[in-house]
Amino acid sequence: MFDFIFDNIQFREKMDHLHGVHLWILHADKIPPHIGISVDGHYFSLKAKGKDESVAIKSMLQVIDKKKISTVLIQLKSNLTFEQVRIEYSKFERAFDIETSCLVPIKNCLNAPISIQKLSELLHFLQDEDQLLSVFGLHLINEYKGIKSYTIDEIQQRIEKLNDVEGKNNLS
């Protein structure tokens, strides 16, 4: 069961560069996937162990390729600037719970409704606003269709699990 199905994924072996604003869906086949955003060659993401701020896209693409991470990259019609994204991410320390998930700063950057709590809801919003330009897939199986159905509780449980693991690592 899917909460969002992509119409036209351009499957790629590799991507060397990206221009414009992109929504990154990492571990796209997992429940829940992880998301980030890039603008002007810089990647941002909020994680349980902190955040990625202004990471070079080339570095991210190398990690994805090396680890064979199933990834969807969505080019957006957006005038979002590096400075706007940098300021938004400066407001967060890390993902603690559903109120500070990886989705929250992205949703804020894209002026999406506060009521959106899941990636699929953000994608439907962006689709309705005609903001999706192109969809690229890296390290996906050919049968990949879209974002699997999951609940808010599953997001919260995943964040808690990642925070528990991180906490245990910090104690050792």
Protein backbone atom coordinates (compact mmCIF):
# COMPACT_ATOMS: atom_id res chain seq x y z
CA MET A 1 0.00 0.00 0.00
CA PHE A 2 1.29 3.44 -0.94
CA ASP A 3 0.52 6.92 0.39
CA PHE A 4 2.11 8.56 -2.67
CA ILE A 5 2.87 7.10 -6.09
CA PHE A 6 5.33 8.80 -8.43
CA ASP A 7 4.11 9.22 -12.00
CA ASN A 8 7.41 9.30 -13.84
CA ILE A 9 10.64 8.28 -12.10
CA GLN A 10 13.80 8.64 -14.16
CA PHE A 11 15.90 5.73 -12.91
CA ARG A 12 19.61 6.55 -12.88
CA GLU A 13 22.76 4.61 -12.10
CA LYS A 14 24.49 7.75 -10.89
CA MET A 15 24.06 11.52 -10.59
CA ASP A 16 27.05 13.81 -10.71
CA HIS A 17 25.43 17.17 -10.03
CA LEU A 18 22.11 18.87 -9.39
CA HIS A 19 20.93 22.38 -10.15
CA GLY A 20 18.12 24.17 -8.37
CA VAL A 21 16.15 23.05 -5.34
CA HIS A 22 15.75 19.33 -4.64
CA LEU A 23 13.86 17.31 -2.08
CA TRP A 24 15.92 14.23 -1.13
CA ILE A 25 14.18 11.05 0.01
CA LEU A 26 16.82 8.74 1.47
CA HIS A 27 16.04 5.10 2.20
CA ALA A 28 13.01 5.68 0.00
CA ASP A 29 11.93 2.06 0.38
CA LYS A 30 11.88 2.18 4.21
CA ILE A 31 9.19 3.14 6.70
CA PRO A 32 9.54 6.00 7.30
CA PRO A 33 12.09 7.33 4.81
CA HIS A 34 14.43 10.18 5.71
CA ILE A 35 14.29 13.52 3.89
CA GLY A 36 16.57 16.45 3.25
CA ILE A 37 16.66 19.43 0.93
CA SER A 38 19.33 20.96 -1.26
CA VAL A 39 19.73 24.40 -2.77
CA ASP A 40 22.62 26.03 -4.60
CA GLY A 41 24.79 22.92 -4.27
CA HIS A 42 24.27 22.53 -0.51
CA TYR A 43 22.37 19.76 1.32
CA PHE A 44 20.51 20.20 4.63
CA SER A 45 18.87 17.58 6.83
CA LEU A 46 17.64 17.27 10.40
CA LYS A 47 18.56 13.97 12.09
CA ALA A 48 18.30 12.36 15.51
CA LYS A 49 22.04 12.81 16.02
CA GLY A 50 22.14 16.41 14.79
CA LYS A 51 21.87 17.95 11.38
CA ASP A 52 23.58 18.20 8.06
CA GLU A 53 24.12 21.85 7.21
CA SER A 54 25.52 23.02 3.93
CA VAL A 55 26.99 19.63 2.98
CA ALA A 56 28.28 19.61 -0.59
CA ILE A 57 25.84 17.78 -2.88
CA LYS A 58 28.77 15.96 -4.47
CA SER A 59 29.65 14.46 -1.07
CA MET A 60 26.06 13.33 -0.50
CA LEU A 61 25.88 11.72 -3.93
CA GLN A 62 29.16 9.89 -3.26
CA VAL A 63 27.83 8.49 0.04
CA ILE A 64 24.57 7.42 -1.62
CA ASP A 65 26.50 5.71 -4.39
CA LYS A 66 29.04 4.04 -2.10
CA LYS A 67 26.37 2.73 0.31
CA LYS A 68 23.81 2.05 -2.45
CA ILE A 69 21.15 4.01 -0.53
CA SER A 70 17.75 3.88 -2.23
CA THR A 71 17.10 7.54 -3.01
CA VAL A 72 14.52 9.67 -4.76
CA LEU A 73 15.53 13.19 -5.80
CA ILE A 74 12.73 15.57 -6.69
CA GLN A 75 13.54 18.80 -8.47
CA LEU A 76 11.15 21.50 -7.28
CA LYS A 77 9.90 24.70 -8.89
CA SER A 78 11.10 26.97 -6.14
CA ASN A 79 12.86 30.28 -5.64
CA LEU A 80 14.13 29.12 -2.28
CA THR A 81 17.58 30.51 -1.48
CA PHE A 82 20.53 29.07 0.39
CA GLU A 83 20.17 31.78 3.04
CA GLN A 84 16.48 30.99 3.65
CA VAL A 85 17.30 27.30 4.17
CA ARG A 86 20.33 28.08 6.34
CA ILE A 87 18.24 30.34 8.60
CA GLU A 88 15.46 27.74 8.92
CA TYR A 89 17.89 24.96 9.86
CA SER A 90 19.64 27.22 12.38
CA LYS A 91 16.42 27.07 14.44
CA PHE A 92 16.86 23.33 15.08
CA GLU A 93 19.38 21.29 17.01
CA ARG A 94 18.25 17.78 16.07
CA ALA A 95 15.16 15.63 15.57
CA PHE A 96 13.68 14.86 19.00
CA ASP A 97 10.10 13.96 18.12
CA ILE A 98 7.31 14.44 15.57
CA GLU A 99 7.40 18.22 16.23
CA THR A 100 11.07 18.33 15.22
CA SER A 101 11.22 15.57 12.61
CA CYS A 102 13.27 15.82 9.42
CA LEU A 103 10.08 17.04 7.70
CA VAL A 104 9.55 20.17 9.83
CA PRO A 105 12.30 22.52 8.54
CA ILE A 106 11.62 21.43 4.95
CA LYS A 107 7.91 22.07 5.30
CA ASN A 108 8.71 25.50 6.78
CA CYS A 109 11.11 26.32 3.92
CA LEU A 110 8.48 25.38 1.35
CA ASN A 111 5.65 27.29 3.10
CA ALA A 112 3.62 24.11 3.43
CA PRO A 113 0.66 23.98 5.81
CA ILE A 114 1.47 23.34 9.48
CA SER A 115 -1.03 20.45 9.43
CA ILE A 116 1.29 18.36 7.21
CA GLN A 117 2.93 15.65 9.32
CA LYS A 118 4.10 13.05 6.78
CA LEU A 119 6.20 13.08 3.64
CA SER A 120 3.31 11.84 1.51
CA GLU A 121 1.19 14.79 2.64
CA LEU A 122 4.00 17.18 1.67
CA LEU A 123 4.32 15.50 -1.73
CA HIS A 124 0.57 15.76 -2.36
CA PHE A 125 0.70 19.45 -1.39
CA LEU A 126 3.64 20.10 -3.73
CA GLN A 127 1.93 18.18 -6.52
CA ASP A 128 -1.30 20.15 -6.06
CA GLU A 129 0.75 23.38 -6.17
CA ASP A 130 2.43 22.16 -9.39
CA GLN A 131 5.86 22.31 -7.73
CA LEU A 132 7.25 18.92 -8.84
CA LEU A 133 9.52 19.29 -11.88
CA SER A 134 11.40 15.99 -12.21
CA VAL A 135 11.83 12.82 -10.19
CA PHE A 136 15.07 10.84 -10.25
CA GLY A 137 15.69 7.46 -8.66
CA LEU A 138 19.04 6.11 -7.51
CA HIS A 139 19.61 2.53 -6.30
CA LEU A 140 15.90 1.73 -6.50
CA ILE A 141 14.45 -1.57 -7.62
CA ASN A 142 12.71 -1.31 -11.00
CA GLU A 143 9.37 -2.04 -9.33
CA TYR A 144 9.66 0.97 -7.00
CA LYS A 145 6.43 2.99 -7.17
CA GLY A 146 6.40 5.45 -4.30
CA ILE A 147 6.14 6.20 -0.60
CA LYS A 148 4.79 3.27 1.41
CA SER A 149 1.96 3.88 3.85
CA TYR A 150 2.97 4.50 7.44
CA THR A 151 1.58 6.23 10.52
CA ILE A 152 2.60 9.20 12.66
CA ASP A 153 3.31 6.68 15.46
CA GLU A 154 5.82 4.91 13.23
CA ILE A 155 7.65 8.20 12.66
CA GLN A 156 7.73 8.88 16.40
CA GLN A 157 8.91 5.34 17.15
CA ARG A 158 11.72 5.62 14.59
CA ILE A 159 12.92 8.96 16.01
CA GLU A 160 12.80 7.52 19.55
CA LYS A 161 14.74 4.44 18.46
CA LEU A 162 17.41 6.57 16.78
CA ASN A 163 17.64 8.82 19.84
CA ASP A 164 17.93 5.77 22.15
CA VAL A 165 20.73 4.34 20.02
CA GLU A 166 22.46 7.72 19.96
CA GLY A 167 22.09 8.10 23.72
CA LYS A 168 23.61 4.66 24.35
CA ASN A 169 26.51 5.47 22.02
CA ASN A 170 27.19 8.66 23.94
CA LEU A 171 27.31 6.76 27.25
CA SER A 172 29.95 4.28 26.14
